[in-house]
Amino acid sequence: MASKHISKDYWNNKRVLVTGGAGFLGTKVVERLVAAGVSEVFVPRSNNYNLVKLEDAVRLLADSRPNIVIHLAAKVGGIMANKLHPAEYFYENLMMGVQLFHSCWKQEIEKFVSVGTVCSYPKYADTPFSEDALWDGYPEETNAPYGLAKKMLLIQSKTYREQYGFNSINLLPANLYGPNDNFDDSSSHVIPALIKKCVKAKDEHLDDVEVWGTGSASREFLFVDDAATGIVAATEFYNDSEPVNLGSGEEVTIKSLVSKIAMATGYDGRFIWDSSKPDGQPRRKLDTSRALKKFGFEAKTKLDIGLKETADWYVNSNLSRRQ
């Protein structure tokens, strides 16, 4: 199927609320909405609206008066952050999602777009992950609280569409990466964490870098610009509660990823694997055929190119000298 083209006629009379719109993914989504000709994009800040609180969700809708809500706001982090704070990851993500969704239905918002997570899939789902396999088992334990909290919006979407005719969609992106990612040691994901370690080791002439796990686990990564393109396309063209994967189609082992990041950063030292640390889910690769069929989405950025762009951004942003 040919890729569908964003229509300014669809967007130019719309007001769109983007929760998490000032974040890593959100800024890219906002850029694409503006380019599409959206009349007004409202980006709330967490210090003004705590979406864990129902009254703040209600006030946000009253202040922004949106036609469409794209819900990106989430409490996210890597394996260790999820392991240390499972209750927070469950409660905050659940409450942000279900209360905002319910408030949007009550306010008769035109459309609710929920951006979920690949962490919702069962730990041992057959690869590539088909959306139909979402309920075939329990998620990987270290990120199950987060994954299940986001997964509840699938139930909410189906039931509110069935009972009330409320239009909402659910998108499940692969692990995201790209320039302006989170490089904080306490909460970063694998790509920014490894880029930071390699740049530091190169700058300080260190002989080796420690990496968690065995390197045998695999992941699929989606460049943030591609993810934003997919979200905006789905918002315009997709109107069904069946979830849709957004991915790149590239599966890579962590061991291979480490080699690619070493090349992207110019680090030529050794890697020491700490097998006492968890690998996380054994494999992740998405079946992306539904996104192509339903709204013409196909990722454009190859992993090697995206890694180089991300590593260069990190070095040129001077974050490596401030952290």
Protein backbone atom coordinates (compact mmCIF):
# COMPACT_ATOMS: atom_id res chain seq x y z
CA MET A 1 0.00 0.00 0.00
CA ALA A 2 1.27 3.47 -0.81
CA SER A 3 1.96 5.77 2.10
CA LYS A 4 -0.94 8.07 2.92
CA HIS A 5 -0.23 11.78 2.80
CA ILE A 6 -1.11 14.11 5.66
CA SER A 7 -3.92 16.45 4.65
CA LYS A 8 -3.90 20.07 5.72
CA ASP A 9 -7.66 20.09 5.14
CA TYR A 10 -7.99 17.61 8.01
CA TRP A 11 -5.73 19.45 10.43
CA ASN A 12 -6.24 23.16 9.80
CA ASN A 13 -9.42 23.41 11.86
CA LYS A 14 -8.20 21.25 14.74
CA ARG A 15 -6.99 22.04 18.24
CA VAL A 16 -4.74 19.24 19.50
CA LEU A 17 -3.65 18.57 23.07
CA VAL A 18 -0.37 16.64 23.33
CA THR A 19 0.39 15.40 26.83
CA GLY A 20 4.12 14.90 27.16
CA GLY A 21 4.49 17.30 24.24
CA ALA A 22 7.63 18.87 25.69
CA GLY A 23 9.37 15.51 25.98
CA PHE A 24 11.64 13.45 23.76
CA LEU A 25 8.91 12.03 21.51
CA GLY A 26 6.42 14.82 22.14
CA THR A 27 8.54 17.59 20.65
CA LYS A 28 8.78 15.64 17.39
CA VAL A 29 5.03 14.98 17.34
CA VAL A 30 4.35 18.68 17.92
CA GLU A 31 6.72 19.62 15.08
CA ARG A 32 4.82 17.36 12.69
CA LEU A 33 1.44 18.65 13.81
CA VAL A 34 2.54 22.24 13.22
CA ALA A 35 3.90 21.28 9.81
CA ALA A 36 0.57 19.61 9.01
CA GLY A 37 -1.21 22.90 9.63
CA VAL A 38 -2.85 22.29 13.01
CA SER A 39 -4.67 25.42 14.12
CA GLU A 40 -3.50 25.17 17.73
CA VAL A 41 -1.29 22.72 19.64
CA PHE A 42 -1.53 22.80 23.43
CA VAL A 43 1.43 21.38 25.36
CA PRO A 44 0.81 21.14 29.13
CA ARG A 45 3.66 21.16 31.64
CA SER A 46 3.72 18.76 34.57
CA ASN A 47 4.25 21.56 37.09
CA ASN A 48 0.90 23.05 35.99
CA TYR A 49 -1.08 19.84 35.48
CA ASN A 50 -0.43 16.66 37.48
CA LEU A 51 -2.36 14.16 35.40
CA VAL A 52 -2.29 11.59 38.19
CA LYS A 53 -4.97 13.82 39.76
CA LEU A 54 -8.42 13.67 38.18
CA GLU A 55 -9.13 17.33 38.88
CA ASP A 56 -6.01 18.35 36.95
CA ALA A 57 -7.05 16.24 33.96
CA VAL A 58 -10.46 17.91 33.96
CA ARG A 59 -8.90 21.37 34.28
CA LEU A 60 -6.47 20.64 31.45
CA LEU A 61 -9.31 19.83 29.05
CA ALA A 62 -11.20 22.95 30.11
CA ASP A 63 -8.11 25.10 29.51
CA SER A 64 -7.09 23.57 26.17
CA ARG A 65 -10.52 22.79 24.64
CA PRO A 66 -9.08 20.23 22.20
CA ASN A 67 -10.70 18.36 19.35
CA ILE A 68 -8.04 15.65 19.58
CA VAL A 69 -5.92 14.42 22.48
CA ILE A 70 -2.62 12.61 21.86
CA HIS A 71 -1.54 11.04 25.14
CA LEU A 72 2.24 10.63 25.29
CA ALA A 73 2.85 11.53 28.94
CA ALA A 74 4.27 8.61 30.91
CA LYS A 75 6.63 7.72 33.69
CA VAL A 76 9.35 5.77 31.88
CA GLY A 77 12.81 4.39 32.52
CA GLY A 78 15.23 1.54 31.92
CA ILE A 79 15.35 -1.90 33.50
CA MET A 80 16.80 -0.76 36.84
CA ALA A 81 14.40 2.17 37.23
CA ASN A 82 11.46 -0.17 36.65
CA LYS A 83 12.92 -2.73 39.04
CA LEU A 84 13.39 -0.17 41.84
CA HIS A 85 10.04 1.64 41.46
CA PRO A 86 7.44 -0.86 40.17
CA ALA A 87 4.55 0.54 42.22
CA GLU A 88 5.17 4.10 41.00
CA TYR A 89 5.43 2.96 37.38
CA PHE A 90 2.13 1.08 37.69
CA TYR A 91 0.11 3.64 39.62
CA GLU A 92 1.20 6.83 37.88
CA ASN A 93 0.90 5.47 34.34
CA LEU A 94 -2.45 3.83 35.07
CA MET A 95 -3.99 6.88 36.69
CA MET A 96 -2.70 9.31 34.07
CA GLY A 97 -4.17 7.22 31.30
CA VAL A 98 -7.56 6.03 32.52
CA GLN A 99 -8.58 9.33 34.13
CA LEU A 100 -7.61 11.46 31.16
CA PHE A 101 -9.34 9.01 28.80
CA HIS A 102 -12.54 9.04 30.89
CA SER A 103 -12.49 12.83 31.10
CA CYS A 104 -12.11 13.06 27.31
CA TRP A 105 -15.17 10.86 26.84
CA LYS A 106 -17.20 12.97 29.27
CA GLN A 107 -16.15 16.15 27.45
CA GLU A 108 -17.05 14.58 24.08
CA ILE A 109 -13.57 14.98 22.66
CA GLU A 110 -13.47 13.99 18.98
CA LYS A 111 -10.59 11.48 19.27
CA PHE A 112 -8.19 10.07 21.87
CA VAL A 113 -4.82 8.70 20.76
CA SER A 114 -3.04 6.50 23.27
CA VAL A 115 0.65 5.75 22.72
CA GLY A 116 1.46 2.59 24.65
CA THR A 117 4.52 0.38 24.85
CA VAL A 118 6.09 -2.79 23.50
CA CYS A 119 6.53 -3.72 27.18
CA SER A 120 2.87 -4.78 27.18
CA TYR A 121 3.65 -7.88 25.16
CA PRO A 122 4.03 -11.30 26.83
CA LYS A 123 7.58 -12.19 27.85
CA TYR A 124 7.69 -15.18 25.51
CA ALA A 125 5.48 -13.99 22.67
CA ASP A 126 6.24 -15.49 19.27
CA THR A 127 8.27 -13.14 17.09
CA PRO A 128 7.53 -11.02 15.25
CA PHE A 129 5.01 -9.79 17.85
CA SER A 130 1.53 -9.69 16.34
CA GLU A 131 -1.01 -7.38 17.92
CA ASP A 132 -3.27 -10.43 18.26
CA ALA A 133 -0.75 -11.99 20.69
CA LEU A 134 -0.98 -9.23 23.30
CA TRP A 135 -3.04 -11.38 25.68
CA ASP A 136 -1.12 -14.65 25.29
CA GLY A 137 0.93 -14.34 28.50
CA TYR A 138 2.40 -12.15 31.23
CA PRO A 139 4.91 -9.40 30.31
CA GLU A 140 8.59 -9.57 31.23
CA GLU A 141 8.71 -9.14 35.01
CA THR A 142 11.01 -6.11 35.31
CA ASN A 143 8.72 -3.85 33.25
CA ALA A 144 5.37 -5.64 33.70
CA PRO A 145 3.88 -2.97 36.02
CA TYR A 146 4.52 -0.26 33.44
CA GLY A 147 3.46 -2.44 30.51
CA LEU A 148 0.22 -3.56 32.17
CA ALA A 149 -0.71 -0.04 33.27
CA LYS A 150 -0.46 1.17 29.66
CA LYS A 151 -2.24 -1.98 28.43
CA MET A 152 -5.36 -1.10 30.41
CA LEU A 153 -6.07 1.66 27.90
CA LEU A 154 -6.69 -1.08 25.35
CA ILE A 155 -9.58 -2.35 27.46
CA GLN A 156 -10.84 1.16 28.04
CA SER A 157 -10.73 1.90 24.33
CA LYS A 158 -12.64 -1.24 23.37
CA THR A 159 -15.31 -0.87 26.03
CA TYR A 160 -15.91 2.86 25.55
CA ARG A 161 -16.18 2.36 21.80
CA GLU A 162 -18.62 -0.53 22.29
CA GLN A 163 -20.81 1.19 24.89
CA TYR A 164 -20.48 4.87 23.99
CA GLY A 165 -19.15 4.97 20.43
CA PHE A 166 -16.10 6.91 21.62
CA ASN A 167 -13.31 7.10 19.04
CA SER A 168 -9.89 6.16 20.41
CA ILE A 169 -6.85 4.37 19.02
CA ASN A 170 -3.88 2.57 20.58
CA LEU A 171 -0.36 2.59 19.14
CA LEU A 172 2.48 0.36 20.35
CA PRO A 173 5.90 1.69 19.33
CA ALA A 174 9.14 -0.26 19.54
CA ASN A 175 11.91 1.03 21.80
CA LEU A 176 12.56 4.64 20.77
CA TYR A 177 15.90 6.42 20.37
CA GLY A 178 17.33 9.51 18.74
CA PRO A 179 18.76 12.99 19.36
CA ASN A 180 17.57 14.64 22.60
CA ASP A 181 16.99 11.23 24.24
CA ASN A 182 17.27 10.82 28.02
CA PHE A 183 20.93 10.31 29.00
CA ASP A 184 20.37 10.37 32.76
CA ASP A 185 22.15 7.46 34.52
CA SER A 186 19.19 6.65 36.76
CA SER A 187 16.51 6.36 34.09
CA SER A 188 17.99 6.13 30.58
CA HIS A 189 17.30 3.26 28.18
CA VAL A 190 19.92 1.06 26.58
CA ILE A 191 20.98 3.16 23.55
CA PRO A 192 21.59 6.49 25.34
CA ALA A 193 23.16 4.64 28.28
CA LEU A 194 25.64 2.86 26.01
CA ILE A 195 26.39 5.97 23.94
CA LYS A 196 27.17 7.85 27.14
CA LYS A 197 29.44 5.07 28.42
CA CYS A 198 31.33 4.78 25.14
CA VAL A 199 31.86 8.54 24.75
CA LYS A 200 33.08 8.78 28.34
CA ALA A 201 35.45 5.83 27.87
CA LYS A 202 36.81 7.33 24.66
CA ASP A 203 37.31 10.79 26.18
CA GLU A 204 38.96 9.39 29.31
CA HIS A 205 41.00 6.74 27.45
CA LEU A 206 39.44 3.88 29.41
CA ASP A 207 40.30 0.33 28.37
CA ASP A 208 36.88 -1.20 28.90
CA VAL A 209 33.16 -0.51 29.35
CA GLU A 210 30.81 -2.56 31.51
CA VAL A 211 27.54 -3.70 29.93
CA TRP A 212 24.61 -5.32 31.70
CA GLY A 213 23.46 -8.85 30.91
CA THR A 214 24.81 -11.41 28.47
CA GLY A 215 24.17 -9.56 25.21
CA SER A 216 21.95 -12.37 23.93
CA ALA A 217 18.63 -10.51 24.22
CA SER A 218 17.34 -8.80 21.09
CA ARG A 219 15.48 -5.56 20.54
CA GLU A 220 13.83 -3.56 17.80
CA PHE A 221 14.46 0.18 17.85
CA LEU A 222 12.45 2.95 16.20
CA PHE A 223 13.98 6.34 15.42
CA VAL A 224 12.01 9.08 17.18
CA ASP A 225 11.30 11.02 13.98
CA ASP A 226 9.77 7.93 12.40
CA ALA A 227 7.66 7.31 15.49
CA ALA A 228 6.28 10.85 15.34
CA THR A 229 5.42 10.44 11.67
CA GLY A 230 3.54 7.23 12.44
CA ILE A 231 1.60 8.76 15.32
CA VAL A 232 0.42 11.74 13.28
CA ALA A 233 -0.55 9.51 10.33
CA ALA A 234 -2.50 7.17 12.61
CA THR A 235 -4.26 10.12 14.25
CA GLU A 236 -5.57 11.26 10.89
CA PHE A 237 -6.30 7.96 9.17
CA TYR A 238 -6.93 5.23 11.76
CA ASN A 239 -10.21 4.87 13.64
CA ASP A 240 -10.38 1.51 15.40
CA SER A 241 -9.66 0.20 18.90
CA GLU A 242 -7.50 -2.70 17.66
CA PRO A 243 -3.90 -1.85 18.65
CA VAL A 244 -1.26 -1.12 16.01
CA ASN A 245 2.49 -1.72 16.23
CA LEU A 246 4.92 0.98 15.12
CA GLY A 247 8.35 -0.47 14.39
CA SER A 248 11.37 -0.45 12.12
CA GLY A 249 11.49 -4.12 11.15
CA GLU A 250 15.13 -4.39 12.32
CA GLU A 251 15.86 -6.84 15.15
CA VAL A 252 19.32 -6.63 16.72
CA THR A 253 20.96 -8.45 19.64
CA ILE A 254 22.32 -6.28 22.42
CA LYS A 255 25.80 -7.64 21.67
CA SER A 256 25.49 -6.48 18.06
CA LEU A 257 24.01 -3.16 19.21
CA VAL A 258 27.05 -2.58 21.43
CA SER A 259 29.33 -3.07 18.43
CA LYS A 260 27.28 -0.63 16.36
CA ILE A 261 27.38 2.00 19.12
CA ALA A 262 31.14 1.54 19.49
CA MET A 263 31.47 2.27 15.77
CA ALA A 264 29.10 5.26 15.96
CA THR A 265 31.07 6.81 18.84
CA GLY A 266 34.56 5.82 17.68
CA TYR A 267 35.26 3.77 20.83
CA ASP A 268 37.68 0.88 20.20
CA GLY A 269 38.07 -0.58 23.71
CA ARG A 270 36.71 -3.78 25.26
CA PHE A 271 33.28 -4.57 26.68
CA ILE A 272 32.88 -6.45 29.95
CA TRP A 273 29.52 -8.25 30.26
CA ASP A 274 28.00 -8.37 33.74
CA SER A 275 25.82 -11.47 33.50
CA SER A 276 24.58 -10.96 37.07
CA LYS A 277 22.42 -8.10 35.73
CA PRO A 278 19.12 -8.86 33.95
CA ASP A 279 18.78 -9.13 30.16
CA GLY A 280 15.11 -8.20 30.27
CA GLN A 281 12.75 -9.69 27.69
CA PRO A 282 14.55 -12.33 25.58
CA ARG A 283 13.42 -11.04 22.17
CA ARG A 284 11.54 -8.09 20.74
CA LYS A 285 10.55 -7.73 17.12
CA LEU A 286 7.23 -6.34 15.92
CA ASP A 287 4.94 -7.34 13.09
CA THR A 288 4.39 -3.95 11.45
CA SER A 289 2.08 -5.05 8.63
CA ARG A 290 -1.06 -3.59 10.23
CA ALA A 291 0.39 -0.06 10.33
CA LEU A 292 1.36 -0.30 6.68
CA LYS A 293 -2.06 -1.59 5.68
CA LYS A 294 -4.18 0.75 7.80
CA PHE A 295 -2.38 4.08 7.43
CA GLY A 296 0.63 3.55 5.20
CA PHE A 297 3.32 3.79 7.87
CA GLU A 298 6.77 2.40 7.18
CA ALA A 299 9.90 3.49 9.11
CA LYS A 300 12.58 5.18 7.00
CA THR A 301 15.63 5.43 9.29
CA LYS A 302 18.04 2.50 9.38
CA LEU A 303 19.57 1.69 12.77
CA ASP A 304 23.20 2.42 11.82
CA ILE A 305 22.26 5.86 10.50
CA GLY A 306 20.05 6.66 13.49
CA LEU A 307 22.73 5.58 15.98
CA LYS A 308 25.34 7.78 14.31
CA GLU A 309 22.98 10.76 14.33
CA THR A 310 22.17 10.18 18.01
CA ALA A 311 25.80 9.77 19.05
CA ASP A 312 26.85 12.89 17.12
CA TRP A 313 24.05 14.87 18.73
CA TYR A 314 25.14 13.75 22.20
CA VAL A 315 28.75 14.78 21.60
CA ASN A 316 27.89 18.10 19.92
CA SER A 317 25.30 19.03 22.57
CA ASN A 318 28.07 19.10 25.20
CA LEU A 319 26.00 16.83 27.45
CA SER A 320 29.01 14.53 27.65
CA ARG A 321 30.99 17.25 29.42
CA ARG A 322 28.17 18.33 31.75
CA GLN A 323 27.04 14.94 33.03
